[in-house]
Amino acid sequence: MTTLTAIIKARAGHEAEVRSELLKVVQFARSQEPGTTAYELIESDDPSIFITWESYKDRAAMEAHNKAGAVSDFVDATKGKIEGIEIHIGEPL
């Protein structure tokens, strides 16, 4: 199993748009990606911060997700609306 945690910071004034686009990715991953075993979106107490916790059956499934149309659609739709993304990939102990 491979996990990915992403911490996404929306630019001020774009929080709702980033949230909406992230929810589209979540829905796609949960319904269309058999290699995705869990995909959670967390809203921080800071309204500009979103956290994803993603679990995949293996690294190939994670890479397939990252190349999916839903992810590229997210990138296109949020261009200029995100201040930064911090990603951590690992294997459970």
C-alpha atoms as a PDB file:
ATOM      1  CA  MET A   1       0.000   0.000   0.000  1.00  0.00           C
ATOM      2  CA  THR A   2       1.148   3.529  -0.799  1.00  0.00           C
ATOM      3  CA  THR A   3      -0.197   6.671   0.840  1.00  0.00           C
ATOM      4  CA  LEU A   4      -0.083  10.285  -0.208  1.00  0.00           C
ATOM      5  CA  THR A   5      -0.897  13.278   1.944  1.00  0.00           C
ATOM      6  CA  ALA A   6      -1.234  16.671   0.284  1.00  0.00           C
ATOM      7  CA  ILE A   7      -1.538  19.983   2.095  1.00  0.00           C
ATOM      8  CA  ILE A   8      -3.061  22.532  -0.263  1.00  0.00           C
ATOM      9  CA  LYS A   9      -3.164  26.252   0.502  1.00  0.00           C
ATOM     10  CA  ALA A  10      -5.684  28.276  -1.490  1.00  0.00           C
ATOM     11  CA  ARG A  11      -5.019  31.915  -2.287  1.00  0.00           C
ATOM     12  CA  ALA A  12      -7.189  34.358  -0.350  1.00  0.00           C
ATOM     13  CA  GLY A  13     -10.589  34.694  -1.960  1.00  0.00           C
ATOM     14  CA  HIS A  14     -10.337  31.379  -3.843  1.00  0.00           C
ATOM     15  CA  GLU A  15     -11.068  28.949  -1.008  1.00  0.00           C
ATOM     16  CA  ALA A  16     -14.561  27.983  -2.224  1.00  0.00           C
ATOM     17  CA  GLU A  17     -13.358  27.357  -5.778  1.00  0.00           C
ATOM     18  CA  VAL A  18     -10.455  25.183  -4.627  1.00  0.00           C
ATOM     19  CA  ARG A  19     -12.776  23.256  -2.288  1.00  0.00           C
ATOM     20  CA  SER A  20     -15.263  22.642  -5.106  1.00  0.00           C
ATOM     21  CA  GLU A  21     -12.566  21.402  -7.481  1.00  0.00           C
ATOM     22  CA  LEU A  22     -11.054  19.145  -4.815  1.00  0.00           C
ATOM     23  CA  LEU A  23     -14.452  17.567  -4.193  1.00  0.00           C
ATOM     24  CA  LYS A  24     -14.619  16.654  -7.899  1.00  0.00           C
ATOM     25  CA  VAL A  25     -11.286  14.839  -7.608  1.00  0.00           C
ATOM     26  CA  VAL A  26     -12.483  13.014  -4.475  1.00  0.00           C
ATOM     27  CA  GLN A  27     -15.672  11.882  -6.184  1.00  0.00           C
ATOM     28  CA  PHE A  28     -13.762  10.675  -9.239  1.00  0.00           C
ATOM     29  CA  ALA A  29     -11.130   8.817  -7.209  1.00  0.00           C
ATOM     30  CA  ARG A  30     -13.722   7.080  -5.038  1.00  0.00           C
ATOM     31  CA  SER A  31     -15.966   6.038  -7.914  1.00  0.00           C
ATOM     32  CA  GLN A  32     -13.646   5.480 -10.883  1.00  0.00           C
ATOM     33  CA  GLU A  33     -10.287   4.302  -9.547  1.00  0.00           C
ATOM     34  CA  PRO A  34     -10.224   0.684  -8.385  1.00  0.00           C
ATOM     35  CA  GLY A  35      -6.598   1.090  -7.208  1.00  0.00           C
ATOM     36  CA  THR A  36      -7.602   3.862  -4.805  1.00  0.00           C
ATOM     37  CA  THR A  37      -8.430   2.255  -1.451  1.00  0.00           C
ATOM     38  CA  ALA A  38      -9.232   5.508   0.418  1.00  0.00           C
ATOM     39  CA  TYR A  39      -9.434   9.178  -0.452  1.00  0.00           C
ATOM     40  CA  GLU A  40     -10.278  11.705   2.243  1.00  0.00           C
ATOM     41  CA  LEU A  41     -10.531  15.478   2.000  1.00  0.00           C
ATOM     42  CA  ILE A  42     -10.102  17.406   5.238  1.00  0.00           C
ATOM     43  CA  GLU A  43     -10.985  21.054   5.754  1.00  0.00           C
ATOM     44  CA  SER A  44      -8.631  22.734   8.188  1.00  0.00           C
ATOM     45  CA  ASP A  45      -9.681  25.228  10.850  1.00  0.00           C
ATOM     46  CA  ASP A  46      -7.830  27.657   8.568  1.00  0.00           C
ATOM     47  CA  PRO A  47     -10.287  28.040   5.656  1.00  0.00           C
ATOM     48  CA  SER A  48      -7.457  28.350   3.150  1.00  0.00           C
ATOM     49  CA  ILE A  49      -5.939  24.931   3.981  1.00  0.00           C
ATOM     50  CA  PHE A  50      -7.182  21.607   2.596  1.00  0.00           C
ATOM     51  CA  ILE A  51      -5.586  18.239   3.304  1.00  0.00           C
ATOM     52  CA  THR A  52      -6.000  15.061   1.304  1.00  0.00           C
ATOM     53  CA  TRP A  53      -5.170  11.652   2.690  1.00  0.00           C
ATOM     54  CA  GLU A  54      -4.980   9.129  -0.095  1.00  0.00           C
ATOM     55  CA  SER A  55      -4.333   5.398  -0.009  1.00  0.00           C
ATOM     56  CA  TYR A  56      -3.565   3.232  -3.029  1.00  0.00           C
ATOM     57  CA  LYS A  57      -3.059  -0.502  -3.470  1.00  0.00           C
ATOM     58  CA  ASP A  58       0.451   0.242  -4.783  1.00  0.00           C
ATOM     59  CA  ARG A  59       2.620   2.966  -6.296  1.00  0.00           C
ATOM     60  CA  ALA A  60       1.384   2.208  -9.819  1.00  0.00           C
ATOM     61  CA  ALA A  61      -2.197   2.951  -8.715  1.00  0.00           C
ATOM     62  CA  MET A  62      -1.047   6.233  -7.161  1.00  0.00           C
ATOM     63  CA  GLU A  63       0.761   7.199 -10.353  1.00  0.00           C
ATOM     64  CA  ALA A  64      -2.338   6.315 -12.412  1.00  0.00           C
ATOM     65  CA  HIS A  65      -4.411   8.596 -10.185  1.00  0.00           C
ATOM     66  CA  ASN A  66      -1.926  11.441 -10.559  1.00  0.00           C
ATOM     67  CA  LYS A  67      -2.107  11.110 -14.365  1.00  0.00           C
ATOM     68  CA  ALA A  68      -5.932  10.944 -14.408  1.00  0.00           C
ATOM     69  CA  GLY A  69      -8.031  13.539 -16.150  1.00  0.00           C
ATOM     70  CA  ALA A  70      -9.631  14.577 -12.856  1.00  0.00           C
ATOM     71  CA  VAL A  71      -6.238  15.634 -11.507  1.00  0.00           C
ATOM     72  CA  SER A  72      -5.273  17.564 -14.641  1.00  0.00           C
ATOM     73  CA  ASP A  73      -8.738  19.179 -14.636  1.00  0.00           C
ATOM     74  CA  PHE A  74      -8.104  20.252 -11.020  1.00  0.00           C
ATOM     75  CA  VAL A  75      -4.727  21.730 -11.938  1.00  0.00           C
ATOM     76  CA  ASP A  76      -6.234  23.643 -14.869  1.00  0.00           C
ATOM     77  CA  ALA A  77      -9.265  24.893 -12.897  1.00  0.00           C
ATOM     78  CA  THR A  78      -7.187  26.109  -9.947  1.00  0.00           C
ATOM     79  CA  LYS A  79      -4.303  27.705 -11.844  1.00  0.00           C
ATOM     80  CA  GLY A  80      -3.436  30.937 -10.038  1.00  0.00           C
ATOM     81  CA  LYS A  81      -5.810  30.062  -7.159  1.00  0.00           C
ATOM     82  CA  ILE A  82      -3.398  27.960  -5.105  1.00  0.00           C
ATOM     83  CA  GLU A  83      -0.568  29.419  -3.065  1.00  0.00           C
ATOM     84  CA  GLY A  84       1.205  26.106  -2.560  1.00  0.00           C
ATOM     85  CA  ILE A  85       0.978  22.336  -2.268  1.00  0.00           C
ATOM     86  CA  GLU A  86       3.090  20.168   0.042  1.00  0.00           C
ATOM     87  CA  ILE A  87       3.065  16.442  -0.777  1.00  0.00           C
ATOM     88  CA  HIS A  88       4.228  13.504   1.343  1.00  0.00           C
ATOM     89  CA  ILE A  89       4.325   9.962  -0.072  1.00  0.00           C
ATOM     90  CA  GLY A  90       5.025   6.919   2.050  1.00  0.00           C
ATOM     91  CA  GLU A  91       4.327   3.346   3.026  1.00  0.00           C
ATOM     92  CA  PRO A  92       2.496   2.385   6.236  1.00  0.00           C
ATOM     93  CA  LEU A  93       4.641   0.821   8.946  1.00  0.00           C
END
